[in-house]
Amino acid sequence: MKRLIVFLGNPGKEYENTRHNAGFLLCNELFPALSWQSKFHSMYSETSEYRILKPLTYMNLSGTAVSECTSFFKIKCDDILIVHDDLELPLGKAKMQKGGGLQGHNGLRNIKERVGNDGFWRLRIGIGRPKNNDVRLYVTTPFTKDEAITLSHVFDKINEKRQFFYEEWEFSIG
């Protein structure tokens, strides 16, 4: 059975290079040549190993797409990987883990509600916390030039570890 990788983000040009779209950005980096179709309220594709989703429901309603896909293909929670931005990790850090707290991430919360379980795998991409605590504005603003360079190094390292999806690990750049 193919495993499912869900890359979280927000659709639309205005969100394209924002911190909340770290998942979408990584997907584009790891799978640049995929052929996409509209399915499960998402952009959907497959490789020989994975089913891949980029939900188009906006971040906070990502559970709709995930539950439709997992129900259709009868995918177990152990075979789901959610790739998302994480305020609790500093920029330059990434962590692969199974389960764990939702850390206030509304996309993860909605997935848990719709799937009925939070035991899925997570690839947490650190974006750090804003200094002024305006989280909503922070996650919807683009990465600075220096942050984009750091993120590119993080993505390179994740690409090296791609064979270890579904195993716990973490690293920091810089």
N, C-alpha and C. Protein backbone atom coordinates (compact mmCIF):
# COMPACT_ATOMS: atom_id res chain seq x y z
N MET A 1 0.83 -1.19 0.00
CA MET A 1 0.00 0.00 0.00
C MET A 1 0.88 1.25 0.00
N LYS A 2 0.50 2.21 -0.82
CA LYS A 2 1.23 3.48 -0.86
C LYS A 2 0.90 4.31 0.36
N ARG A 3 1.91 4.96 0.88
CA ARG A 3 1.72 5.88 1.99
C ARG A 3 1.29 7.25 1.46
N LEU A 4 0.72 8.04 2.35
CA LEU A 4 0.22 9.37 1.98
C LEU A 4 1.10 10.44 2.59
N ILE A 5 1.53 11.39 1.77
CA ILE A 5 2.23 12.58 2.27
C ILE A 5 1.35 13.79 1.96
N VAL A 6 1.03 14.54 3.01
CA VAL A 6 0.21 15.74 2.88
C VAL A 6 1.08 16.95 3.18
N PHE A 7 1.21 17.82 2.20
CA PHE A 7 2.00 19.03 2.35
C PHE A 7 1.03 20.18 2.61
N LEU A 8 1.10 20.79 3.79
CA LEU A 8 0.15 21.84 4.15
C LEU A 8 0.60 23.21 3.67
N GLY A 9 -0.38 24.01 3.33
CA GLY A 9 -0.16 25.39 2.89
C GLY A 9 -1.49 26.04 2.58
N ASN A 10 -1.42 27.21 2.04
CA ASN A 10 -2.62 27.94 1.60
C ASN A 10 -2.53 28.17 0.10
N PRO A 11 -3.63 27.96 -0.62
CA PRO A 11 -3.60 28.20 -2.07
C PRO A 11 -3.62 29.69 -2.38
N GLY A 12 -3.19 30.04 -3.55
CA GLY A 12 -3.26 31.43 -4.00
C GLY A 12 -1.91 32.10 -4.06
N LYS A 13 -1.79 32.99 -5.02
CA LYS A 13 -0.54 33.72 -5.27
C LYS A 13 -0.08 34.51 -4.04
N GLU A 14 -1.04 35.09 -3.28
CA GLU A 14 -0.67 35.94 -2.15
C GLU A 14 0.00 35.17 -1.01
N TYR A 15 -0.16 33.83 -0.99
CA TYR A 15 0.44 33.02 0.08
C TYR A 15 1.65 32.22 -0.39
N GLU A 16 1.97 32.32 -1.66
CA GLU A 16 2.95 31.45 -2.31
C GLU A 16 4.25 31.24 -1.54
N ASN A 17 4.91 32.28 -1.11
CA ASN A 17 6.21 32.15 -0.45
C ASN A 17 6.17 32.51 1.03
N THR A 18 5.03 32.31 1.65
CA THR A 18 4.88 32.66 3.06
C THR A 18 5.31 31.52 3.97
N ARG A 19 5.50 31.85 5.23
CA ARG A 19 5.94 30.88 6.23
C ARG A 19 4.93 29.74 6.38
N HIS A 20 3.64 30.06 6.31
CA HIS A 20 2.60 29.03 6.44
C HIS A 20 2.66 28.04 5.27
N ASN A 21 3.30 28.41 4.19
CA ASN A 21 3.38 27.54 3.02
C ASN A 21 4.67 26.73 2.96
N ALA A 22 5.35 26.58 4.08
CA ALA A 22 6.58 25.78 4.09
C ALA A 22 6.33 24.38 3.55
N GLY A 23 5.18 23.80 3.84
CA GLY A 23 4.86 22.47 3.32
C GLY A 23 4.76 22.46 1.80
N PHE A 24 4.00 23.39 1.25
CA PHE A 24 3.87 23.49 -0.22
C PHE A 24 5.24 23.71 -0.86
N LEU A 25 6.04 24.59 -0.25
CA LEU A 25 7.36 24.90 -0.80
C LEU A 25 8.26 23.66 -0.83
N LEU A 26 8.21 22.87 0.25
CA LEU A 26 9.01 21.64 0.28
C LEU A 26 8.52 20.65 -0.77
N CYS A 27 7.23 20.53 -0.93
CA CYS A 27 6.69 19.63 -1.95
C CYS A 27 7.24 19.99 -3.33
N ASN A 28 7.22 21.28 -3.65
CA ASN A 28 7.74 21.72 -4.95
C ASN A 28 9.21 21.39 -5.12
N GLU A 29 9.93 21.40 -4.01
CA GLU A 29 11.37 21.10 -4.02
C GLU A 29 11.62 19.59 -4.19
N LEU A 30 10.87 18.77 -3.46
CA LEU A 30 11.07 17.32 -3.49
C LEU A 30 10.50 16.65 -4.73
N PHE A 31 9.40 17.20 -5.24
CA PHE A 31 8.68 16.57 -6.35
C PHE A 31 8.39 17.59 -7.44
N PRO A 32 9.44 18.13 -8.10
CA PRO A 32 9.23 19.23 -9.05
C PRO A 32 8.55 18.82 -10.36
N ALA A 33 8.56 17.55 -10.69
CA ALA A 33 8.06 17.15 -12.01
C ALA A 33 6.76 16.34 -11.97
N LEU A 34 6.06 16.40 -10.87
CA LEU A 34 4.82 15.63 -10.78
C LEU A 34 3.74 16.18 -11.69
N SER A 35 2.87 15.29 -12.11
CA SER A 35 1.68 15.67 -12.85
C SER A 35 0.52 15.70 -11.85
N TRP A 36 -0.11 16.86 -11.72
CA TRP A 36 -1.14 17.05 -10.70
C TRP A 36 -2.53 17.00 -11.29
N GLN A 37 -3.47 16.54 -10.47
CA GLN A 37 -4.88 16.60 -10.81
C GLN A 37 -5.65 17.13 -9.61
N SER A 38 -6.83 17.66 -9.86
CA SER A 38 -7.67 18.16 -8.79
C SER A 38 -8.52 16.99 -8.28
N LYS A 39 -8.33 16.66 -6.99
CA LYS A 39 -9.02 15.53 -6.39
C LYS A 39 -8.97 15.69 -4.88
N PHE A 40 -10.00 15.31 -4.17
CA PHE A 40 -10.05 15.38 -2.70
C PHE A 40 -9.86 16.81 -2.18
N HIS A 41 -10.44 17.80 -2.85
CA HIS A 41 -10.27 19.20 -2.46
C HIS A 41 -8.79 19.56 -2.38
N SER A 42 -8.01 19.00 -3.29
CA SER A 42 -6.55 19.13 -3.26
C SER A 42 -5.98 19.08 -4.66
N MET A 43 -4.70 19.39 -4.72
CA MET A 43 -3.91 18.98 -5.87
C MET A 43 -3.37 17.61 -5.45
N TYR A 44 -3.56 16.62 -6.31
CA TYR A 44 -3.25 15.23 -5.97
C TYR A 44 -2.32 14.66 -7.02
N SER A 45 -1.36 13.85 -6.57
CA SER A 45 -0.47 13.15 -7.48
C SER A 45 0.02 11.88 -6.80
N GLU A 46 0.73 11.07 -7.56
CA GLU A 46 1.30 9.83 -7.04
C GLU A 46 2.70 9.63 -7.59
N THR A 47 3.51 8.95 -6.79
CA THR A 47 4.80 8.43 -7.25
C THR A 47 4.70 6.92 -7.09
N SER A 48 5.75 6.20 -7.34
CA SER A 48 5.72 4.75 -7.15
C SER A 48 5.57 4.38 -5.67
N GLU A 49 5.97 5.29 -4.76
CA GLU A 49 5.91 5.01 -3.32
C GLU A 49 4.78 5.72 -2.58
N TYR A 50 4.39 6.91 -3.06
CA TYR A 50 3.52 7.77 -2.27
C TYR A 50 2.31 8.28 -3.04
N ARG A 51 1.25 8.57 -2.29
CA ARG A 51 0.15 9.41 -2.74
C ARG A 51 0.46 10.78 -2.12
N ILE A 52 0.31 11.84 -2.89
CA ILE A 52 0.72 13.16 -2.44
C ILE A 52 -0.45 14.14 -2.55
N LEU A 53 -0.69 14.87 -1.47
CA LEU A 53 -1.76 15.87 -1.42
C LEU A 53 -1.21 17.24 -1.08
N LYS A 54 -1.73 18.24 -1.77
CA LYS A 54 -1.55 19.64 -1.39
C LYS A 54 -2.98 20.19 -1.25
N PRO A 55 -3.54 20.16 -0.02
CA PRO A 55 -4.93 20.60 0.17
C PRO A 55 -5.15 22.04 -0.30
N LEU A 56 -6.28 22.25 -0.96
CA LEU A 56 -6.65 23.58 -1.44
C LEU A 56 -7.75 24.19 -0.58
N THR A 57 -7.94 23.65 0.60
CA THR A 57 -9.01 24.07 1.50
C THR A 57 -8.58 25.18 2.44
N TYR A 58 -7.41 25.68 2.31
CA TYR A 58 -6.75 26.57 3.25
C TYR A 58 -6.36 25.77 4.48
N MET A 59 -5.33 26.24 5.11
CA MET A 59 -4.67 25.52 6.20
C MET A 59 -5.63 24.98 7.25
N ASN A 60 -6.51 25.83 7.75
CA ASN A 60 -7.34 25.46 8.90
C ASN A 60 -8.41 24.43 8.60
N LEU A 61 -8.61 24.11 7.32
CA LEU A 61 -9.60 23.11 6.94
C LEU A 61 -8.95 21.93 6.20
N SER A 62 -7.68 21.72 6.43
CA SER A 62 -6.93 20.66 5.74
C SER A 62 -7.49 19.27 6.01
N GLY A 63 -8.16 19.09 7.14
CA GLY A 63 -8.72 17.78 7.48
C GLY A 63 -9.73 17.28 6.47
N THR A 64 -10.42 18.18 5.79
CA THR A 64 -11.38 17.77 4.76
C THR A 64 -10.69 16.96 3.69
N ALA A 65 -9.60 17.50 3.16
CA ALA A 65 -8.85 16.82 2.10
C ALA A 65 -8.26 15.50 2.59
N VAL A 66 -7.64 15.53 3.77
CA VAL A 66 -6.99 14.34 4.31
C VAL A 66 -8.00 13.24 4.57
N SER A 67 -9.14 13.58 5.17
CA SER A 67 -10.14 12.54 5.47
C SER A 67 -10.75 11.95 4.20
N GLU A 68 -10.97 12.78 3.19
CA GLU A 68 -11.50 12.25 1.93
C GLU A 68 -10.53 11.27 1.28
N CYS A 69 -9.26 11.63 1.25
CA CYS A 69 -8.25 10.76 0.63
C CYS A 69 -8.06 9.47 1.44
N THR A 70 -7.93 9.60 2.75
CA THR A 70 -7.70 8.40 3.58
C THR A 70 -8.90 7.47 3.56
N SER A 71 -10.10 8.02 3.51
CA SER A 71 -11.30 7.18 3.42
C SER A 71 -11.36 6.46 2.07
N PHE A 72 -11.09 7.19 1.01
CA PHE A 72 -11.16 6.61 -0.34
C PHE A 72 -10.17 5.46 -0.51
N PHE A 73 -8.94 5.67 -0.06
CA PHE A 73 -7.89 4.65 -0.24
C PHE A 73 -7.71 3.75 0.98
N LYS A 74 -8.49 3.97 2.03
CA LYS A 74 -8.41 3.18 3.27
C LYS A 74 -6.98 3.21 3.85
N ILE A 75 -6.46 4.41 3.98
CA ILE A 75 -5.10 4.62 4.49
C ILE A 75 -5.15 4.73 6.01
N LYS A 76 -4.30 3.94 6.68
CA LYS A 76 -4.22 3.97 8.14
C LYS A 76 -3.40 5.17 8.60
N CYS A 77 -3.66 5.58 9.82
CA CYS A 77 -2.98 6.74 10.41
C CYS A 77 -1.45 6.56 10.40
N ASP A 78 -0.97 5.35 10.60
CA ASP A 78 0.47 5.08 10.59
C ASP A 78 1.12 5.35 9.25
N ASP A 79 0.31 5.42 8.21
CA ASP A 79 0.82 5.61 6.85
C ASP A 79 0.59 7.02 6.32
N ILE A 80 0.30 7.95 7.23
CA ILE A 80 0.08 9.36 6.85
C ILE A 80 1.23 10.20 7.39
N LEU A 81 1.79 11.04 6.54
CA LEU A 81 2.80 12.01 6.94
C LEU A 81 2.26 13.40 6.61
N ILE A 82 2.17 14.25 7.61
CA ILE A 82 1.74 15.64 7.42
C ILE A 82 2.99 16.52 7.50
N VAL A 83 3.24 17.31 6.46
CA VAL A 83 4.39 18.21 6.40
C VAL A 83 3.88 19.62 6.62
N HIS A 84 4.40 20.30 7.65
CA HIS A 84 3.85 21.61 8.00
C HIS A 84 4.89 22.52 8.64
N ASP A 85 4.56 23.81 8.62
CA ASP A 85 5.36 24.82 9.31
C ASP A 85 5.15 24.66 10.81
N ASP A 86 6.14 25.08 11.60
CA ASP A 86 6.03 24.95 13.04
C ASP A 86 6.65 26.15 13.74
N LEU A 87 5.82 26.90 14.46
CA LEU A 87 6.27 28.07 15.20
C LEU A 87 7.17 27.72 16.38
N GLU A 88 7.01 26.51 16.90
CA GLU A 88 7.75 26.10 18.11
C GLU A 88 9.19 25.69 17.81
N LEU A 89 9.51 25.48 16.55
CA LEU A 89 10.89 25.17 16.17
C LEU A 89 11.51 26.39 15.51
N PRO A 90 12.75 26.69 15.83
CA PRO A 90 13.40 27.84 15.19
C PRO A 90 13.64 27.57 13.70
N LEU A 91 13.69 28.65 12.93
CA LEU A 91 14.04 28.53 11.53
C LEU A 91 15.39 27.82 11.42
N GLY A 92 15.49 26.85 10.54
CA GLY A 92 16.72 26.09 10.40
C GLY A 92 16.64 24.71 11.03
N LYS A 93 15.54 24.42 11.73
CA LYS A 93 15.39 23.13 12.37
C LYS A 93 14.21 22.39 11.73
N ALA A 94 14.36 21.08 11.61
CA ALA A 94 13.28 20.22 11.14
C ALA A 94 13.25 18.97 12.01
N LYS A 95 12.05 18.44 12.18
CA LYS A 95 11.89 17.27 13.04
C LYS A 95 10.82 16.36 12.48
N MET A 96 11.17 15.09 12.38
CA MET A 96 10.22 14.05 11.97
C MET A 96 9.82 13.30 13.22
N GLN A 97 8.51 13.22 13.47
CA GLN A 97 8.04 12.51 14.65
C GLN A 97 6.69 11.87 14.38
N LYS A 98 6.38 10.89 15.20
CA LYS A 98 5.07 10.25 15.13
C LYS A 98 4.24 10.77 16.29
N GLY A 99 3.04 11.26 15.99
CA GLY A 99 2.16 11.77 17.04
C GLY A 99 2.74 13.01 17.68
N GLY A 100 2.28 13.29 18.89
CA GLY A 100 2.75 14.45 19.62
C GLY A 100 1.67 15.51 19.69
N GLY A 101 1.92 16.55 20.45
CA GLY A 101 0.95 17.61 20.61
C GLY A 101 0.73 18.38 19.32
N LEU A 102 -0.37 19.09 19.27
CA LEU A 102 -0.73 19.86 18.08
C LEU A 102 -0.14 21.27 18.11
N GLN A 103 0.40 21.69 19.25
CA GLN A 103 1.06 22.99 19.43
C GLN A 103 0.25 24.16 18.86
N GLY A 104 -1.06 24.09 18.99
CA GLY A 104 -1.90 25.19 18.53
C GLY A 104 -2.02 25.31 17.02
N HIS A 105 -1.54 24.34 16.27
CA HIS A 105 -1.58 24.39 14.81
C HIS A 105 -2.99 24.00 14.36
N ASN A 106 -3.72 24.96 13.81
CA ASN A 106 -5.11 24.72 13.45
C ASN A 106 -5.28 23.71 12.31
N GLY A 107 -4.32 23.65 11.41
CA GLY A 107 -4.39 22.65 10.35
C GLY A 107 -4.30 21.24 10.92
N LEU A 108 -3.35 21.03 11.85
CA LEU A 108 -3.22 19.71 12.49
C LEU A 108 -4.46 19.38 13.32
N ARG A 109 -4.98 20.38 14.01
CA ARG A 109 -6.18 20.17 14.83
C ARG A 109 -7.34 19.71 13.96
N ASN A 110 -7.52 20.34 12.80
CA ASN A 110 -8.60 19.97 11.91
C ASN A 110 -8.40 18.58 11.33
N ILE A 111 -7.17 18.22 11.04
CA ILE A 111 -6.88 16.87 10.54
C ILE A 111 -7.24 15.85 11.61
N LYS A 112 -6.83 16.11 12.84
CA LYS A 112 -7.16 15.19 13.94
C LYS A 112 -8.68 15.03 14.07
N GLU A 113 -9.41 16.14 14.02
CA GLU A 113 -10.87 16.08 14.14
C GLU A 113 -11.48 15.26 13.01
N ARG A 114 -11.02 15.46 11.80
CA ARG A 114 -11.63 14.80 10.64
C ARG A 114 -11.20 13.34 10.49
N VAL A 115 -9.95 13.05 10.84
CA VAL A 115 -9.43 11.68 10.71
C VAL A 115 -9.78 10.87 11.96
N GLY A 116 -9.96 11.56 13.09
CA GLY A 116 -10.33 10.89 14.33
C GLY A 116 -9.15 10.37 15.12
N ASN A 117 -7.95 10.86 14.80
CA ASN A 117 -6.75 10.34 15.43
C ASN A 117 -5.62 11.34 15.20
N ASP A 118 -4.70 11.45 16.14
CA ASP A 118 -3.54 12.32 15.91
C ASP A 118 -2.23 11.52 15.93
N GLY A 119 -2.32 10.23 15.65
CA GLY A 119 -1.14 9.38 15.65
C GLY A 119 -0.40 9.36 14.32
N PHE A 120 -0.70 10.32 13.44
CA PHE A 120 -0.02 10.37 12.15
C PHE A 120 1.40 10.90 12.32
N TRP A 121 2.21 10.68 11.29
CA TRP A 121 3.57 11.20 11.27
C TRP A 121 3.54 12.68 10.93
N ARG A 122 4.54 13.42 11.41
CA ARG A 122 4.66 14.85 11.13
C ARG A 122 6.09 15.19 10.77
N LEU A 123 6.23 15.96 9.73
CA LEU A 123 7.52 16.57 9.42
C LEU A 123 7.35 18.04 9.73
N ARG A 124 7.93 18.47 10.85
CA ARG A 124 7.80 19.83 11.35
C ARG A 124 8.95 20.68 10.81
N ILE A 125 8.61 21.72 10.07
CA ILE A 125 9.60 22.62 9.50
C ILE A 125 9.59 23.91 10.33
N GLY A 126 10.68 24.15 11.03
CA GLY A 126 10.75 25.32 11.91
C GLY A 126 10.69 26.63 11.16
N ILE A 127 9.82 27.52 11.65
CA ILE A 127 9.75 28.88 11.11
C ILE A 127 9.99 29.91 12.22
N GLY A 128 10.11 29.45 13.47
CA GLY A 128 10.34 30.35 14.61
C GLY A 128 9.10 31.14 14.97
N ARG A 129 9.16 31.79 16.09
CA ARG A 129 8.05 32.62 16.58
C ARG A 129 8.33 34.08 16.25
N PRO A 130 7.28 34.86 16.00
CA PRO A 130 7.49 36.29 15.76
C PRO A 130 7.87 37.01 17.04
N LYS A 131 8.67 38.02 16.92
CA LYS A 131 9.10 38.79 18.09
C LYS A 131 7.94 39.60 18.68
N ASN A 132 7.00 40.03 17.83
CA ASN A 132 5.89 40.86 18.30
C ASN A 132 4.65 40.04 18.68
N ASN A 133 4.73 38.72 18.58
CA ASN A 133 3.64 37.81 18.92
C ASN A 133 2.40 37.91 18.03
N ASP A 134 2.46 38.61 16.90
CA ASP A 134 1.34 38.63 15.97
C ASP A 134 1.50 37.44 15.02
N VAL A 135 1.07 36.28 15.51
CA VAL A 135 1.29 35.02 14.79
C VAL A 135 0.58 35.02 13.44
N ARG A 136 -0.65 35.48 13.40
CA ARG A 136 -1.42 35.44 12.16
C ARG A 136 -0.73 36.22 11.04
N LEU A 137 -0.26 37.41 11.35
CA LEU A 137 0.45 38.21 10.36
C LEU A 137 1.79 37.54 10.00
N TYR A 138 2.49 37.06 10.98
CA TYR A 138 3.81 36.44 10.79
C TYR A 138 3.75 35.26 9.82
N VAL A 139 2.80 34.34 10.02
CA VAL A 139 2.77 33.14 9.19
C VAL A 139 2.32 33.42 7.76
N THR A 140 1.66 34.55 7.54
CA THR A 140 1.18 34.87 6.19
C THR A 140 2.04 35.90 5.48
N THR A 141 3.23 36.17 6.02
CA THR A 141 4.17 37.05 5.33
C THR A 141 5.30 36.21 4.74
N PRO A 142 5.87 36.68 3.64
CA PRO A 142 6.94 35.91 2.98
C PRO A 142 8.21 35.82 3.83
N PHE A 143 8.98 34.79 3.55
CA PHE A 143 10.30 34.66 4.16
C PHE A 143 11.18 35.80 3.64
N THR A 144 12.07 36.30 4.50
CA THR A 144 13.05 37.29 4.04
C THR A 144 14.06 36.56 3.15
N LYS A 145 14.91 37.32 2.50
CA LYS A 145 15.93 36.72 1.63
C LYS A 145 16.84 35.77 2.42
N ASP A 146 17.30 36.22 3.60
CA ASP A 146 18.17 35.38 4.43
C ASP A 146 17.43 34.14 4.93
N GLU A 147 16.16 34.32 5.33
CA GLU A 147 15.37 33.16 5.78
C GLU A 147 15.17 32.16 4.66
N ALA A 148 14.95 32.65 3.45
CA ALA A 148 14.75 31.77 2.29
C ALA A 148 16.01 30.94 2.02
N ILE A 149 17.18 31.54 2.25
CA ILE A 149 18.44 30.81 2.07
C ILE A 149 18.54 29.69 3.11
N THR A 150 18.24 30.02 4.36
CA THR A 150 18.25 29.01 5.42
C THR A 150 17.26 27.89 5.11
N LEU A 151 16.05 28.26 4.69
CA LEU A 151 15.03 27.28 4.35
C LEU A 151 15.50 26.37 3.22
N SER A 152 16.19 26.93 2.26
CA SER A 152 16.72 26.13 1.14
C SER A 152 17.70 25.07 1.65
N HIS A 153 18.53 25.43 2.63
CA HIS A 153 19.46 24.46 3.22
C HIS A 153 18.70 23.38 3.99
N VAL A 154 17.64 23.78 4.68
CA VAL A 154 16.80 22.81 5.40
C VAL A 154 16.19 21.83 4.39
N PHE A 155 15.68 22.35 3.29
CA PHE A 155 15.07 21.49 2.28
C PHE A 155 16.08 20.52 1.67
N ASP A 156 17.30 21.00 1.45
CA ASP A 156 18.36 20.12 0.94
C ASP A 156 18.60 18.95 1.90
N LYS A 157 18.66 19.26 3.18
CA LYS A 157 18.90 18.23 4.20
C LYS A 157 17.71 17.26 4.28
N ILE A 158 16.49 17.77 4.20
CA ILE A 158 15.31 16.91 4.20
C ILE A 158 15.33 15.99 2.97
N ASN A 159 15.73 16.53 1.83
CA ASN A 159 15.81 15.72 0.62
C ASN A 159 16.80 14.57 0.80
N GLU A 160 17.91 14.83 1.50
CA GLU A 160 18.87 13.76 1.79
C GLU A 160 18.25 12.69 2.68
N LYS A 161 17.36 13.10 3.57
CA LYS A 161 16.74 12.18 4.53
C LYS A 161 15.44 11.56 3.99
N ARG A 162 15.07 11.87 2.78
CA ARG A 162 13.78 11.43 2.24
C ARG A 162 13.59 9.92 2.37
N GLN A 163 14.65 9.16 2.28
CA GLN A 163 14.52 7.71 2.43
C GLN A 163 14.13 7.32 3.86
N PHE A 164 14.24 8.27 4.79
CA PHE A 164 13.92 7.98 6.19
C PHE A 164 12.58 8.56 6.62
N PHE A 165 11.73 8.91 5.66
CA PHE A 165 10.38 9.30 6.04
C PHE A 165 9.78 8.14 6.82
N TYR A 166 9.00 8.44 7.80
CA TYR A 166 8.36 7.45 8.66
C TYR A 166 9.34 6.82 9.64
N GLU A 167 10.40 7.54 9.97
CA GLU A 167 11.32 7.23 11.07
C GLU A 167 11.61 8.55 11.77
N GLU A 168 11.76 8.50 13.09
CA GLU A 168 11.99 9.75 13.81
C GLU A 168 13.42 10.24 13.64
N TRP A 169 13.59 11.54 13.43
CA TRP A 169 14.88 12.20 13.35
C TRP A 169 14.68 13.70 13.49
N GLU A 170 15.77 14.42 13.69
CA GLU A 170 15.73 15.88 13.68
C GLU A 170 17.12 16.42 13.38
N PHE A 171 17.16 17.67 12.94
CA PHE A 171 18.44 18.33 12.69
C PHE A 171 18.26 19.83 12.76
N SER A 172 19.38 20.52 12.87
CA SER A 172 19.40 21.99 12.83
C SER A 172 20.48 22.45 11.86
N ILE A 173 20.18 23.50 11.12
CA ILE A 173 21.14 24.11 10.20
C ILE A 173 21.69 25.36 10.90
N GLY A 174 23.00 25.51 10.84
CA GLY A 174 23.61 26.74 11.35
C GLY A 174 23.69 26.74 12.80
